[in-house]
Protein backbone atom coordinates (compact mmCIF):
# COMPACT_ATOMS: atom_id res chain seq x y z
CA MET A 1 -29.52 17.57 32.27
CA LYS A 2 -29.66 13.76 32.44
CA LYS A 3 -30.94 13.66 28.86
CA GLN A 4 -27.97 15.74 27.66
CA ILE A 5 -25.52 13.47 29.46
CA ALA A 6 -27.19 10.39 27.95
CA ILE A 7 -26.96 11.90 24.46
CA ALA A 8 -23.31 12.84 24.99
CA MET A 9 -22.48 9.34 26.25
CA SER A 10 -24.24 7.79 23.27
CA GLY A 11 -22.17 9.98 20.96
CA VAL A 12 -18.94 8.99 22.66
CA LEU A 13 -19.90 5.30 22.52
CA LEU A 14 -20.79 5.55 18.84
CA ALA A 15 -17.54 7.35 18.00
CA ALA A 16 -15.50 4.83 19.95
CA SER A 17 -17.21 1.91 18.27
CA PHE A 18 -16.58 3.29 14.77
CA SER A 19 -12.88 3.60 15.56
CA GLY A 20 -12.72 -0.22 15.80
CA CYS A 21 -14.39 -0.73 12.44
CA ALA A 22 -12.62 -2.24 9.50
CA LYS A 23 -11.56 0.42 7.01
CA LYS A 24 -12.92 0.63 3.48
CA ALA A 25 -10.49 -0.95 1.03
CA THR A 26 -9.90 2.44 -0.59
CA GLU A 27 -8.74 3.83 2.78
CA VAL A 28 -6.04 1.19 3.25
CA GLN A 29 -2.61 2.54 2.26
CA ALA A 30 -0.16 0.34 0.37
CA ALA A 31 2.69 -1.07 2.39
CA TYR A 32 6.12 -0.24 0.98
CA VAL A 33 7.57 -2.98 -1.19
CA PRO A 34 10.78 -2.10 -3.05
CA LYS A 35 10.66 -2.58 -6.80
CA SER A 36 14.20 -3.96 -6.54
CA LYS A 37 12.55 -7.19 -5.40
CA TYR A 38 11.18 -7.59 -8.95
CA ILE A 39 13.43 -5.46 -11.16
CA ASP A 40 15.70 -8.32 -12.33
CA ARG A 41 12.88 -10.60 -13.42
CA GLU A 42 11.96 -11.32 -17.01
CA CYS A 43 8.76 -9.83 -18.40
CA LYS A 44 6.95 -13.18 -18.49
CA LEU A 45 7.63 -13.77 -14.79
CA LEU A 46 6.60 -10.20 -13.93
CA GLU A 47 3.35 -10.66 -15.85
CA LYS A 48 2.65 -13.91 -13.99
CA ASP A 49 3.41 -12.20 -10.67
CA MET A 50 1.12 -9.32 -11.61
CA GLU A 51 -1.71 -11.71 -12.52
CA ASP A 52 -1.38 -13.53 -9.19
CA VAL A 53 -1.14 -10.36 -7.08
CA SER A 54 -4.00 -8.68 -8.99
CA TYR A 55 -6.29 -11.65 -8.35
CA ARG A 56 -5.47 -11.75 -4.64
CA LEU A 57 -5.77 -7.95 -4.44
CA VAL A 58 -9.26 -7.95 -5.95
CA SER A 59 -10.30 -10.76 -3.60
CA ALA A 60 -8.85 -9.03 -0.51
CA THR A 61 -10.49 -5.74 -1.56
CA LYS A 62 -13.90 -7.41 -1.67
CA SER A 63 -13.32 -9.09 1.69
CA GLN A 64 -12.17 -5.83 3.29
CA ASP A 65 -15.19 -3.91 1.98
CA SER A 66 -17.48 -6.68 3.25
CA ALA A 67 -15.83 -6.49 6.68
CA HIS A 68 -16.27 -2.71 6.69
CA ASN A 69 -19.97 -2.94 5.74
CA ARG A 70 -20.56 -5.65 8.34
CA ASP A 71 -18.85 -3.60 11.05
CA VAL A 72 -20.92 -0.51 10.24
CA ALA A 73 -24.10 -2.60 10.50
CA MET A 74 -22.93 -4.10 13.81
CA VAL A 75 -22.27 -0.62 15.24
CA VAL A 76 -25.84 0.38 14.45
CA VAL A 77 -27.24 -2.87 15.84
CA GLY A 78 -24.97 -2.71 18.90
CA THR A 79 -25.80 0.91 19.66
CA VAL A 80 -29.51 0.67 19.07
CA LEU A 81 -30.44 -2.87 20.03
CA PHE A 82 -27.86 -5.22 21.43
CA TRP A 83 -24.38 -4.23 22.67
CA PRO A 84 -22.83 -7.77 22.42
CA ALA A 85 -23.05 -7.32 18.64
CA TYR A 86 -19.81 -5.31 18.95
CA PHE A 87 -17.89 -8.55 19.43
CA VAL A 88 -18.73 -9.60 15.86
CA MET A 89 -16.51 -6.75 14.65
CA LEU A 90 -13.38 -8.53 15.82
CA ALA A 91 -13.12 -10.94 12.85
CA GLY A 92 -12.64 -10.64 9.12
CA ASP A 93 -10.51 -7.50 8.79
CA GLU A 94 -7.85 -8.03 6.11
CA GLU A 95 -6.21 -4.60 6.32
CA GLU A 96 -2.62 -5.86 6.70
CA GLU A 97 -2.92 -8.35 3.83
CA LEU A 98 -4.59 -5.74 1.63
CA ALA A 99 -1.84 -3.18 2.37
CA ARG A 100 0.83 -5.75 1.54
CA LEU A 101 -0.88 -6.72 -1.73
CA LYS A 102 -1.25 -3.09 -2.75
CA GLY A 103 2.47 -2.63 -2.14
CA GLU A 104 3.33 -5.75 -4.15
CA TYR A 105 1.09 -4.54 -6.99
CA GLN A 106 2.81 -1.15 -7.08
CA ALA A 107 6.29 -2.68 -6.99
CA ILE A 108 5.53 -5.12 -9.80
CA ASP A 109 3.88 -2.37 -11.84
CA GLU A 110 6.99 -0.20 -11.44
CA ALA A 111 9.21 -3.13 -12.48
CA LEU A 112 7.02 -3.78 -15.53
CA VAL A 113 7.36 -0.12 -16.55
CA TYR A 114 11.09 -0.02 -15.79
CA ASN A 115 11.73 -3.16 -17.87
CA ARG A 116 9.43 -1.91 -20.66
CA CYS A 117 7.25 -5.02 -20.44
CA TYR A 118 3.94 -3.32 -21.11
CA ALA A 119 2.65 -3.25 -24.66
CA LYS A 120 1.66 0.16 -26.01
CA GLY A 121 -1.43 1.41 -24.17
CA GLU A 122 -1.30 -1.40 -21.62
CA ASN A 123 -0.93 -0.89 -17.86
CA GLY A 124 -1.58 -2.51 -14.48
CA VAL A 125 -5.28 -1.70 -14.63
CA ASP A 126 -5.64 -4.35 -17.34
CA PHE A 127 -4.47 -6.98 -14.86
CA ILE A 128 -7.01 -5.78 -12.29
CA LYS A 129 -9.83 -5.93 -14.85
CA ASN A 130 -8.83 -9.48 -15.81
CA ALA A 131 -8.70 -10.49 -12.15
CA GLN A 132 -12.16 -9.01 -11.52
CA LYS A 133 -13.56 -10.92 -14.50
CA LYS A 134 -11.89 -14.15 -13.32
CA LEU A 135 -13.37 -13.72 -9.84
CA GLN A 136 -16.84 -13.05 -11.29
CA ASP A 137 -16.58 -16.11 -13.54
CA GLU A 138 -15.59 -18.28 -10.57
CA LYS A 139 -18.51 -16.93 -8.53
CA ALA A 140 -20.92 -17.61 -11.40
CA SER A 141 -19.54 -21.14 -11.74
CA GLU A 142 -19.95 -21.76 -7.99
CA ASP A 143 -23.52 -20.44 -8.11
CA LEU A 144 -24.30 -22.71 -11.06
CA GLN A 145 -22.87 -25.74 -9.24
CA SER A 146 -24.84 -24.85 -6.12
CA ASP A 147 -28.06 -24.55 -8.13
CA THR A 148 -27.40 -27.90 -9.83
CA ILE A 149 -26.84 -29.61 -6.47
CA LYS A 150 -30.08 -28.11 -5.10
CA GLU A 151 -32.03 -29.24 -8.17
CA ASN A 152 -30.62 -32.77 -7.92
CA SER A 153 -31.42 -33.05 -4.22
CA GLU A 154 -34.95 -31.72 -4.78
CA SER A 155 -35.57 -34.20 -7.61
CA GLU A 156 -34.32 -37.07 -5.41
CA MET A 157 -36.85 -36.12 -2.74
CA ILE A 158 -39.71 -36.41 -5.21
């Protein structure tokens, strides 16, 4: 009987701890942003807005997914090994920012369609792809700079 109660309590604790986890980025719903905010803008300005929002959206998506993965790992560690690990789950969730950016993206996309700014065959996904590439290029550049600094400091030690 005690074993069954212990198992039940563990299940309740595990379920409760997962409820505090950061959501996956795909689970975050877009916040409503009216397209009227963007509808009167010229195509060039809308394209610039879409580039900016797409870049921040890709970055926030990666951060949110990292927070989700970290929280899942902390639940396992906290449940199995060390309960204070649950306190690590309190930081890094960007759900509100991600929801806002998704809403901005949708509103700008609707304004671009409404104003017929897209070239034939073009859509908002192209902006996301460009933002992902830009983020990857920046990461590669940072990694290269980090490697160069390490090499220089190692050569100075010799």
